[in-house]
Amino acid sequence: MNDNTQSYDNDDTETDSTTEIDDTVTNTVNDSPVEKVITSNAIIDMNSAKRSLLLRMSNTRFEQGELRQAVDGYLNVIEQYPNSEESNAAQAQLLIIAQRYEQEGTLRLSLDVFERLEQMLATE
């Protein structure tokens, strides 16, 4: 046999800890509305993760100058998670965008942002 050739054993057994983690994740997903999933002893709040991701995506759009897409993203955060820290941050960013539109002389776009934010907050 060549020295570079490796031998692999067909070991189809799983460790007990891996099986327990797999069972825990499966049971958690099956038994709850997937608000929390347990993986390798860490609890991930899926709701919080999604809020944070949506806000970061909107911030990225803002930083790239894609203001209309950022506005839509921020409004989505406010609508889906009205009383969250991410909602408060999204509201602040919308005010910054409205101010930016105003400074650029696009007053109609500025007013549109204010109206959409006002409408969103009225439905909370």
C-alpha atoms as a PDB file:
ATOM      1  CA  MET A   1       0.000   0.000   0.000  1.00  0.00           C
ATOM      2  CA  ASN A   2       1.249   3.514  -0.841  1.00  0.00           C
ATOM      3  CA  ASP A   3       2.326   5.706   2.102  1.00  0.00           C
ATOM      4  CA  ASN A   4       0.082   8.533   0.820  1.00  0.00           C
ATOM      5  CA  THR A   5      -3.010   6.358   0.918  1.00  0.00           C
ATOM      6  CA  GLN A   6      -5.168   6.801   3.987  1.00  0.00           C
ATOM      7  CA  SER A   7      -7.463   4.244   5.470  1.00  0.00           C
ATOM      8  CA  TYR A   8     -10.922   5.375   6.576  1.00  0.00           C
ATOM      9  CA  ASP A   9     -13.082   3.430   8.957  1.00  0.00           C
ATOM     10  CA  ASN A  10     -16.806   3.295   8.322  1.00  0.00           C
ATOM     11  CA  ASP A  11     -17.955   4.475  11.717  1.00  0.00           C
ATOM     12  CA  ASP A  12     -21.702   5.050  11.525  1.00  0.00           C
ATOM     13  CA  THR A  13     -22.193   5.604  15.247  1.00  0.00           C
ATOM     14  CA  GLU A  14     -22.999   9.028  16.654  1.00  0.00           C
ATOM     15  CA  THR A  15     -21.978  10.267  20.037  1.00  0.00           C
ATOM     16  CA  ASP A  16     -24.672  10.640  22.655  1.00  0.00           C
ATOM     17  CA  SER A  17     -24.105  14.387  22.948  1.00  0.00           C
ATOM     18  CA  THR A  18     -24.596  14.952  19.203  1.00  0.00           C
ATOM     19  CA  THR A  19     -27.802  12.950  19.269  1.00  0.00           C
ATOM     20  CA  GLU A  20     -29.063  14.917  22.274  1.00  0.00           C
ATOM     21  CA  ILE A  21     -28.377  18.247  20.554  1.00  0.00           C
ATOM     22  CA  ASP A  22     -30.067  17.076  17.343  1.00  0.00           C
ATOM     23  CA  ASP A  23     -33.084  15.857  19.330  1.00  0.00           C
ATOM     24  CA  THR A  24     -33.250  19.111  21.280  1.00  0.00           C
ATOM     25  CA  VAL A  25     -33.200  21.225  18.115  1.00  0.00           C
ATOM     26  CA  THR A  26     -35.783  19.003  16.427  1.00  0.00           C
ATOM     27  CA  ASN A  27     -38.074  19.010  19.462  1.00  0.00           C
ATOM     28  CA  THR A  28     -37.729  22.757  19.907  1.00  0.00           C
ATOM     29  CA  VAL A  29     -38.596  23.423  16.277  1.00  0.00           C
ATOM     30  CA  ASN A  30     -41.498  20.978  16.366  1.00  0.00           C
ATOM     31  CA  ASP A  31     -42.891  22.073  19.743  1.00  0.00           C
ATOM     32  CA  SER A  32     -42.740  25.868  19.439  1.00  0.00           C
ATOM     33  CA  PRO A  33     -43.330  28.642  16.927  1.00  0.00           C
ATOM     34  CA  VAL A  34     -39.541  28.738  16.474  1.00  0.00           C
ATOM     35  CA  GLU A  35     -39.136  31.765  18.736  1.00  0.00           C
ATOM     36  CA  LYS A  36     -36.144  30.115  20.347  1.00  0.00           C
ATOM     37  CA  VAL A  37     -33.961  27.334  19.043  1.00  0.00           C
ATOM     38  CA  ILE A  38     -31.443  25.570  21.252  1.00  0.00           C
ATOM     39  CA  THR A  39     -28.187  24.637  19.550  1.00  0.00           C
ATOM     40  CA  SER A  40     -25.094  23.391  21.345  1.00  0.00           C
ATOM     41  CA  ASN A  41     -26.102  24.886  24.679  1.00  0.00           C
ATOM     42  CA  ALA A  42     -26.713  28.394  23.258  1.00  0.00           C
ATOM     43  CA  ILE A  43     -30.153  29.935  23.013  1.00  0.00           C
ATOM     44  CA  ILE A  44     -30.732  32.072  19.951  1.00  0.00           C
ATOM     45  CA  ASP A  45     -33.720  34.387  20.012  1.00  0.00           C
ATOM     46  CA  MET A  46     -34.818  34.165  16.386  1.00  0.00           C
ATOM     47  CA  ASN A  47     -37.115  37.166  16.713  1.00  0.00           C
ATOM     48  CA  SER A  48     -34.283  39.364  17.939  1.00  0.00           C
ATOM     49  CA  ALA A  49     -31.934  38.055  15.280  1.00  0.00           C
ATOM     50  CA  LYS A  50     -34.424  38.855  12.535  1.00  0.00           C
ATOM     51  CA  ARG A  51     -35.075  42.369  13.883  1.00  0.00           C
ATOM     52  CA  SER A  52     -31.379  43.047  14.032  1.00  0.00           C
ATOM     53  CA  LEU A  53     -30.768  41.669  10.548  1.00  0.00           C
ATOM     54  CA  LEU A  54     -33.559  43.748   8.996  1.00  0.00           C
ATOM     55  CA  LEU A  55     -32.183  46.885  10.638  1.00  0.00           C
ATOM     56  CA  ARG A  56     -28.624  46.123   9.468  1.00  0.00           C
ATOM     57  CA  MET A  57     -29.860  45.515   5.931  1.00  0.00           C
ATOM     58  CA  SER A  58     -31.643  48.876   5.954  1.00  0.00           C
ATOM     59  CA  ASN A  59     -28.548  50.574   7.374  1.00  0.00           C
ATOM     60  CA  THR A  60     -26.484  49.080   4.551  1.00  0.00           C
ATOM     61  CA  ARG A  61     -28.943  50.458   1.983  1.00  0.00           C
ATOM     62  CA  PHE A  62     -28.713  53.849   3.675  1.00  0.00           C
ATOM     63  CA  GLU A  63     -24.898  53.785   3.636  1.00  0.00           C
ATOM     64  CA  GLN A  64     -24.935  52.846  -0.050  1.00  0.00           C
ATOM     65  CA  GLY A  65     -27.166  55.827  -0.821  1.00  0.00           C
ATOM     66  CA  GLU A  66     -30.161  53.643  -1.692  1.00  0.00           C
ATOM     67  CA  LEU A  67     -32.493  55.825   0.344  1.00  0.00           C
ATOM     68  CA  ARG A  68     -35.827  54.626  -1.039  1.00  0.00           C
ATOM     69  CA  GLN A  69     -34.938  50.995  -0.301  1.00  0.00           C
ATOM     70  CA  ALA A  70     -33.669  52.015   3.137  1.00  0.00           C
ATOM     71  CA  VAL A  71     -36.955  53.804   3.856  1.00  0.00           C
ATOM     72  CA  ASP A  72     -38.930  50.690   2.925  1.00  0.00           C
ATOM     73  CA  GLY A  73     -36.690  48.543   5.123  1.00  0.00           C
ATOM     74  CA  TYR A  74     -36.946  50.855   8.118  1.00  0.00           C
ATOM     75  CA  LEU A  75     -40.725  51.005   7.774  1.00  0.00           C
ATOM     76  CA  ASN A  76     -40.787  47.209   7.651  1.00  0.00           C
ATOM     77  CA  VAL A  77     -38.865  47.037  10.949  1.00  0.00           C
ATOM     78  CA  ILE A  78     -41.275  49.525  12.560  1.00  0.00           C
ATOM     79  CA  GLU A  79     -44.312  47.639  11.292  1.00  0.00           C
ATOM     80  CA  GLN A  80     -43.156  44.171  12.333  1.00  0.00           C
ATOM     81  CA  TYR A  81     -41.494  45.094  15.651  1.00  0.00           C
ATOM     82  CA  PRO A  82     -43.186  48.322  16.831  1.00  0.00           C
ATOM     83  CA  ASN A  83     -41.950  48.511  20.430  1.00  0.00           C
ATOM     84  CA  SER A  84     -38.396  47.329  19.938  1.00  0.00           C
ATOM     85  CA  GLU A  85     -35.034  49.060  20.104  1.00  0.00           C
ATOM     86  CA  GLU A  86     -34.670  48.365  16.392  1.00  0.00           C
ATOM     87  CA  SER A  87     -37.944  50.182  15.741  1.00  0.00           C
ATOM     88  CA  ASN A  88     -36.675  53.221  17.623  1.00  0.00           C
ATOM     89  CA  ALA A  89     -33.429  53.148  15.637  1.00  0.00           C
ATOM     90  CA  ALA A  90     -35.378  52.809  12.379  1.00  0.00           C
ATOM     91  CA  GLN A  91     -37.522  55.820  13.293  1.00  0.00           C
ATOM     92  CA  ALA A  92     -34.410  57.889  13.968  1.00  0.00           C
ATOM     93  CA  GLN A  93     -32.918  56.853  10.632  1.00  0.00           C
ATOM     94  CA  LEU A  94     -36.122  57.806   8.817  1.00  0.00           C
ATOM     95  CA  LEU A  95     -35.918  61.291  10.310  1.00  0.00           C
ATOM     96  CA  ILE A  96     -32.311  61.558   9.110  1.00  0.00           C
ATOM     97  CA  ILE A  97     -33.374  60.500   5.611  1.00  0.00           C
ATOM     98  CA  ALA A  98     -36.223  63.028   5.590  1.00  0.00           C
ATOM     99  CA  GLN A  99     -33.783  65.744   6.650  1.00  0.00           C
ATOM    100  CA  ARG A 100     -31.330  64.664   3.957  1.00  0.00           C
ATOM    101  CA  TYR A 101     -34.040  64.823   1.285  1.00  0.00           C
ATOM    102  CA  GLU A 102     -34.956  68.291   2.513  1.00  0.00           C
ATOM    103  CA  GLN A 103     -31.332  69.467   2.348  1.00  0.00           C
ATOM    104  CA  GLU A 104     -31.074  68.122  -1.205  1.00  0.00           C
ATOM    105  CA  GLY A 105     -34.170  70.112  -2.160  1.00  0.00           C
ATOM    106  CA  THR A 106     -36.400  67.093  -2.726  1.00  0.00           C
ATOM    107  CA  LEU A 107     -39.076  68.327  -0.383  1.00  0.00           C
ATOM    108  CA  ARG A 108     -41.766  65.992  -1.713  1.00  0.00           C
ATOM    109  CA  LEU A 109     -39.630  62.952  -0.845  1.00  0.00           C
ATOM    110  CA  SER A 110     -38.969  64.396   2.603  1.00  0.00           C
ATOM    111  CA  LEU A 111     -42.678  64.924   3.177  1.00  0.00           C
ATOM    112  CA  ASP A 112     -43.398  61.406   1.902  1.00  0.00           C
ATOM    113  CA  VAL A 113     -41.041  59.914   4.512  1.00  0.00           C
ATOM    114  CA  PHE A 114     -42.725  61.915   7.283  1.00  0.00           C
ATOM    115  CA  GLU A 115     -46.203  60.892   6.110  1.00  0.00           C
ATOM    116  CA  ARG A 116     -45.316  57.231   5.823  1.00  0.00           C
ATOM    117  CA  LEU A 117     -43.712  57.242   9.278  1.00  0.00           C
ATOM    118  CA  GLU A 118     -46.712  59.058  10.748  1.00  0.00           C
ATOM    119  CA  GLN A 119     -49.091  56.557   9.147  1.00  0.00           C
ATOM    120  CA  MET A 120     -47.038  53.639  10.445  1.00  0.00           C
ATOM    121  CA  LEU A 121     -46.961  55.016  13.999  1.00  0.00           C
ATOM    122  CA  ALA A 122     -50.719  55.680  13.926  1.00  0.00           C
ATOM    123  CA  THR A 123     -51.417  51.996  13.277  1.00  0.00           C
ATOM    124  CA  GLU A 124     -49.375  50.794  16.286  1.00  0.00           C
END
